[in-house]
Amino acid sequence: LSADDALLKCVEYGAVPSFLFTHSSDTNVSYSSYATQTAKLYSRAKKLWPVMNMKITSHEKVTDGVYKITYDYSKTVYVNYNPSLVEVNGVMISAKDFIVI
């Protein structure tokens, strides 16, 4: 499971992505690459702020690789696992991405 797919799974199920780093004396470990990837994932996850602390009221598969998650106050998140752009109910969801409506 790639880091991007793991983020999409977190988004789909209303989980908050988190990371824990530990120190290693192995000089072959490059923490800068992990830090860069983590910052990128957190930057994408910030789009979820409108649904923070809301309850999921429904979760449904819309089509292959696309899920619709409805929260309190009719906020909706679409998750697209597909490698291409998808249109659902007039909403365009980028490949391997999610959108909050």
N, C-alpha and C. Protein backbone atom coordinates (compact mmCIF):
# COMPACT_ATOMS: atom_id res chain seq x y z
N LEU A 1 0.85 -1.18 0.00
CA LEU A 1 0.00 0.00 0.00
C LEU A 1 0.90 1.24 0.00
N SER A 2 0.71 2.09 -0.97
CA SER A 2 1.53 3.30 -1.05
C SER A 2 1.07 4.30 0.00
N ALA A 3 1.90 5.29 0.28
CA ALA A 3 1.54 6.33 1.25
C ALA A 3 0.31 7.09 0.78
N ASP A 4 0.20 7.34 -0.53
CA ASP A 4 -0.97 8.05 -1.06
C ASP A 4 -2.24 7.23 -0.88
N ASP A 5 -2.16 5.92 -1.14
CA ASP A 5 -3.33 5.06 -0.95
C ASP A 5 -3.69 4.95 0.53
N ALA A 6 -2.69 4.92 1.39
CA ALA A 6 -2.95 4.87 2.84
C ALA A 6 -3.67 6.14 3.29
N LEU A 7 -3.28 7.28 2.74
CA LEU A 7 -3.97 8.53 3.07
C LEU A 7 -5.42 8.46 2.62
N LEU A 8 -5.66 7.95 1.41
CA LEU A 8 -7.03 7.83 0.91
C LEU A 8 -7.87 6.91 1.81
N LYS A 9 -7.28 5.84 2.30
CA LYS A 9 -8.00 4.94 3.22
C LYS A 9 -8.36 5.68 4.50
N CYS A 10 -7.43 6.47 5.04
CA CYS A 10 -7.72 7.27 6.23
C CYS A 10 -8.88 8.22 5.96
N VAL A 11 -8.84 8.89 4.82
CA VAL A 11 -9.90 9.83 4.46
C VAL A 11 -11.23 9.10 4.33
N GLU A 12 -11.22 7.96 3.67
CA GLU A 12 -12.47 7.22 3.46
C GLU A 12 -13.12 6.80 4.77
N TYR A 13 -12.32 6.43 5.75
CA TYR A 13 -12.88 5.92 7.00
C TYR A 13 -12.87 6.93 8.14
N GLY A 14 -12.56 8.19 7.84
CA GLY A 14 -12.63 9.24 8.85
C GLY A 14 -11.51 9.18 9.87
N ALA A 15 -10.40 8.57 9.52
CA ALA A 15 -9.27 8.47 10.44
C ALA A 15 -8.29 9.63 10.20
N VAL A 16 -7.60 10.00 11.24
CA VAL A 16 -6.60 11.07 11.14
C VAL A 16 -5.24 10.42 10.89
N PRO A 17 -4.59 10.78 9.78
CA PRO A 17 -3.27 10.20 9.54
C PRO A 17 -2.26 10.75 10.54
N SER A 18 -1.39 9.89 11.03
CA SER A 18 -0.34 10.35 11.93
C SER A 18 0.91 9.52 11.67
N PHE A 19 2.03 10.09 12.06
CA PHE A 19 3.32 9.46 11.82
C PHE A 19 4.16 9.55 13.08
N LEU A 20 5.01 8.57 13.28
CA LEU A 20 5.93 8.55 14.40
C LEU A 20 7.31 8.25 13.85
N PHE A 21 8.25 9.10 14.16
CA PHE A 21 9.61 8.90 13.71
C PHE A 21 10.47 8.56 14.92
N THR A 22 11.38 7.65 14.72
CA THR A 22 12.34 7.32 15.77
C THR A 22 13.74 7.49 15.20
N HIS A 23 14.68 7.64 16.08
CA HIS A 23 16.06 7.85 15.65
C HIS A 23 16.73 6.50 15.40
N SER A 24 17.58 6.48 14.40
CA SER A 24 18.38 5.29 14.12
C SER A 24 19.82 5.72 13.95
N SER A 25 20.71 4.92 14.47
CA SER A 25 22.13 5.24 14.31
C SER A 25 22.64 4.81 12.93
N ASP A 26 21.79 4.18 12.15
CA ASP A 26 22.15 3.77 10.79
C ASP A 26 22.33 5.02 9.93
N THR A 27 23.52 5.24 9.45
CA THR A 27 23.80 6.45 8.66
C THR A 27 23.23 6.35 7.25
N ASN A 28 22.72 5.20 6.86
CA ASN A 28 22.11 5.04 5.54
C ASN A 28 20.65 5.49 5.50
N VAL A 29 20.08 5.81 6.65
CA VAL A 29 18.69 6.24 6.72
C VAL A 29 18.63 7.74 6.48
N SER A 30 17.81 8.14 5.52
CA SER A 30 17.65 9.55 5.21
C SER A 30 16.29 10.01 5.71
N TYR A 31 16.30 10.77 6.79
CA TYR A 31 15.04 11.25 7.36
C TYR A 31 14.43 12.37 6.54
N SER A 32 15.23 13.06 5.76
CA SER A 32 14.69 14.17 4.97
C SER A 32 13.65 13.68 3.97
N SER A 33 13.86 12.51 3.39
CA SER A 33 12.86 12.00 2.43
C SER A 33 11.55 11.67 3.14
N TYR A 34 11.63 11.11 4.36
CA TYR A 34 10.42 10.82 5.12
C TYR A 34 9.72 12.11 5.53
N ALA A 35 10.48 13.10 5.94
CA ALA A 35 9.90 14.38 6.35
C ALA A 35 9.20 15.05 5.18
N THR A 36 9.79 15.00 4.01
CA THR A 36 9.19 15.60 2.81
C THR A 36 7.88 14.90 2.47
N GLN A 37 7.88 13.58 2.48
CA GLN A 37 6.67 12.82 2.17
C GLN A 37 5.57 13.07 3.20
N THR A 38 5.96 13.11 4.47
CA THR A 38 4.98 13.35 5.54
C THR A 38 4.37 14.74 5.40
N ALA A 39 5.18 15.74 5.13
CA ALA A 39 4.68 17.11 4.94
C ALA A 39 3.70 17.16 3.77
N LYS A 40 4.00 16.44 2.71
CA LYS A 40 3.12 16.41 1.54
C LYS A 40 1.76 15.79 1.90
N LEU A 41 1.79 14.69 2.65
CA LEU A 41 0.55 14.02 3.03
C LEU A 41 -0.28 14.88 3.99
N TYR A 42 0.37 15.51 4.96
CA TYR A 42 -0.35 16.41 5.88
C TYR A 42 -0.94 17.60 5.13
N SER A 43 -0.23 18.09 4.14
CA SER A 43 -0.72 19.21 3.35
C SER A 43 -2.00 18.82 2.62
N ARG A 44 -2.04 17.63 2.08
CA ARG A 44 -3.25 17.14 1.41
C ARG A 44 -4.38 16.93 2.41
N ALA A 45 -4.05 16.40 3.59
CA ALA A 45 -5.07 16.09 4.60
C ALA A 45 -5.72 17.35 5.15
N LYS A 46 -5.07 18.50 5.04
CA LYS A 46 -5.66 19.76 5.54
C LYS A 46 -6.99 20.08 4.87
N LYS A 47 -7.24 19.51 3.69
CA LYS A 47 -8.52 19.73 3.02
C LYS A 47 -9.69 19.19 3.83
N LEU A 48 -9.40 18.35 4.83
CA LEU A 48 -10.46 17.74 5.64
C LEU A 48 -10.92 18.61 6.80
N TRP A 49 -10.30 19.75 7.00
CA TRP A 49 -10.67 20.60 8.13
C TRP A 49 -12.16 20.91 8.20
N PRO A 50 -12.86 21.09 7.08
CA PRO A 50 -14.30 21.38 7.18
C PRO A 50 -15.12 20.26 7.84
N VAL A 51 -14.60 19.04 7.91
CA VAL A 51 -15.36 17.94 8.51
C VAL A 51 -14.76 17.47 9.84
N MET A 52 -13.75 18.18 10.32
CA MET A 52 -13.16 17.81 11.61
C MET A 52 -14.24 17.84 12.68
N ASN A 53 -14.22 16.85 13.54
CA ASN A 53 -15.14 16.73 14.67
C ASN A 53 -16.60 16.49 14.26
N MET A 54 -16.85 16.16 13.00
CA MET A 54 -18.19 15.80 12.58
C MET A 54 -18.33 14.28 12.55
N LYS A 55 -19.55 13.81 12.68
CA LYS A 55 -19.83 12.38 12.62
C LYS A 55 -20.12 11.96 11.18
N ILE A 56 -19.65 10.78 10.82
CA ILE A 56 -20.00 10.20 9.53
C ILE A 56 -21.41 9.66 9.65
N THR A 57 -22.28 10.08 8.72
CA THR A 57 -23.67 9.61 8.74
C THR A 57 -23.95 8.55 7.68
N SER A 58 -23.10 8.50 6.63
CA SER A 58 -23.24 7.41 5.65
C SER A 58 -21.93 7.23 4.90
N HIS A 59 -21.77 6.02 4.41
CA HIS A 59 -20.57 5.63 3.66
C HIS A 59 -21.05 4.71 2.55
N GLU A 60 -20.78 5.06 1.31
CA GLU A 60 -21.28 4.22 0.22
C GLU A 60 -20.29 4.18 -0.95
N LYS A 61 -20.30 3.05 -1.62
CA LYS A 61 -19.53 2.90 -2.85
C LYS A 61 -20.38 3.46 -3.98
N VAL A 62 -19.85 4.46 -4.68
CA VAL A 62 -20.59 5.10 -5.76
C VAL A 62 -20.39 4.34 -7.06
N THR A 63 -19.17 3.96 -7.32
CA THR A 63 -18.79 3.18 -8.50
C THR A 63 -17.45 2.54 -8.18
N ASP A 64 -16.92 1.74 -9.08
CA ASP A 64 -15.64 1.09 -8.80
C ASP A 64 -14.58 2.11 -8.43
N GLY A 65 -14.00 1.96 -7.25
CA GLY A 65 -12.90 2.81 -6.81
C GLY A 65 -13.28 4.19 -6.33
N VAL A 66 -14.58 4.47 -6.21
CA VAL A 66 -15.04 5.79 -5.76
C VAL A 66 -16.03 5.63 -4.61
N TYR A 67 -15.78 6.36 -3.52
CA TYR A 67 -16.63 6.28 -2.34
C TYR A 67 -17.13 7.67 -1.95
N LYS A 68 -18.35 7.68 -1.42
CA LYS A 68 -18.96 8.91 -0.94
C LYS A 68 -19.19 8.76 0.56
N ILE A 69 -18.64 9.70 1.32
CA ILE A 69 -18.79 9.70 2.77
C ILE A 69 -19.53 10.98 3.14
N THR A 70 -20.66 10.83 3.80
CA THR A 70 -21.46 11.98 4.20
C THR A 70 -21.30 12.19 5.70
N TYR A 71 -21.10 13.45 6.06
CA TYR A 71 -20.91 13.84 7.45
C TYR A 71 -22.11 14.67 7.91
N ASP A 72 -22.12 15.01 9.21
CA ASP A 72 -23.13 15.93 9.74
C ASP A 72 -23.23 17.16 8.85
N TYR A 73 -24.36 17.79 8.90
CA TYR A 73 -24.59 19.05 8.19
C TYR A 73 -24.42 18.91 6.68
N SER A 74 -24.62 17.69 6.17
CA SER A 74 -24.58 17.38 4.74
C SER A 74 -23.24 17.65 4.07
N LYS A 75 -22.16 17.70 4.83
CA LYS A 75 -20.83 17.79 4.22
C LYS A 75 -20.51 16.43 3.61
N THR A 76 -19.92 16.44 2.43
CA THR A 76 -19.63 15.20 1.71
C THR A 76 -18.17 15.15 1.30
N VAL A 77 -17.60 13.96 1.40
CA VAL A 77 -16.24 13.71 0.92
C VAL A 77 -16.33 12.60 -0.12
N TYR A 78 -15.75 12.84 -1.28
CA TYR A 78 -15.62 11.81 -2.30
C TYR A 78 -14.16 11.38 -2.36
N VAL A 79 -13.93 10.07 -2.40
CA VAL A 79 -12.59 9.52 -2.49
C VAL A 79 -12.49 8.74 -3.79
N ASN A 80 -11.46 9.04 -4.57
CA ASN A 80 -11.25 8.37 -5.86
C ASN A 80 -9.93 7.61 -5.82
N TYR A 81 -10.01 6.29 -5.80
CA TYR A 81 -8.81 5.44 -5.81
C TYR A 81 -8.32 5.17 -7.23
N ASN A 82 -9.08 5.55 -8.22
CA ASN A 82 -8.75 5.25 -9.61
C ASN A 82 -7.56 6.07 -10.11
N PRO A 83 -6.85 5.56 -11.11
CA PRO A 83 -5.69 6.28 -11.66
C PRO A 83 -6.08 7.37 -12.66
N SER A 84 -7.37 7.66 -12.77
CA SER A 84 -7.83 8.70 -13.70
C SER A 84 -8.92 9.54 -13.05
N LEU A 85 -9.13 10.70 -13.62
CA LEU A 85 -10.18 11.63 -13.18
C LEU A 85 -11.54 10.95 -13.30
N VAL A 86 -12.41 11.20 -12.31
CA VAL A 86 -13.75 10.61 -12.30
C VAL A 86 -14.77 11.72 -12.05
N GLU A 87 -15.91 11.63 -12.73
CA GLU A 87 -17.01 12.55 -12.48
C GLU A 87 -18.15 11.79 -11.82
N VAL A 88 -18.62 12.32 -10.69
CA VAL A 88 -19.72 11.71 -9.96
C VAL A 88 -20.70 12.81 -9.60
N ASN A 89 -21.93 12.68 -10.06
CA ASN A 89 -22.98 13.66 -9.75
C ASN A 89 -22.52 15.09 -10.06
N GLY A 90 -21.81 15.26 -11.17
CA GLY A 90 -21.34 16.58 -11.56
C GLY A 90 -20.10 17.05 -10.84
N VAL A 91 -19.55 16.22 -9.97
CA VAL A 91 -18.35 16.56 -9.21
C VAL A 91 -17.15 15.86 -9.83
N MET A 92 -16.10 16.62 -10.13
CA MET A 92 -14.88 16.06 -10.69
C MET A 92 -13.91 15.74 -9.56
N ILE A 93 -13.47 14.49 -9.50
CA ILE A 93 -12.52 14.06 -8.47
C ILE A 93 -11.24 13.61 -9.18
N SER A 94 -10.16 14.26 -8.87
CA SER A 94 -8.88 13.94 -9.50
C SER A 94 -8.46 12.51 -9.20
N ALA A 95 -7.57 12.00 -10.02
CA ALA A 95 -7.04 10.64 -9.83
C ALA A 95 -6.35 10.53 -8.49
N LYS A 96 -6.59 9.42 -7.80
CA LYS A 96 -5.95 9.14 -6.51
C LYS A 96 -6.04 10.33 -5.56
N ASP A 97 -7.26 10.88 -5.43
CA ASP A 97 -7.44 12.07 -4.62
C ASP A 97 -8.82 12.07 -3.98
N PHE A 98 -9.11 13.11 -3.23
CA PHE A 98 -10.41 13.26 -2.58
C PHE A 98 -10.82 14.72 -2.64
N ILE A 99 -12.11 14.95 -2.43
CA ILE A 99 -12.64 16.31 -2.44
C ILE A 99 -13.70 16.43 -1.35
N VAL A 100 -13.73 17.58 -0.70
CA VAL A 100 -14.74 17.86 0.33
C VAL A 100 -15.74 18.85 -0.26
N ILE A 101 -17.01 18.54 -0.13
CA ILE A 101 -18.07 19.40 -0.66
C ILE A 101 -19.00 19.81 0.47
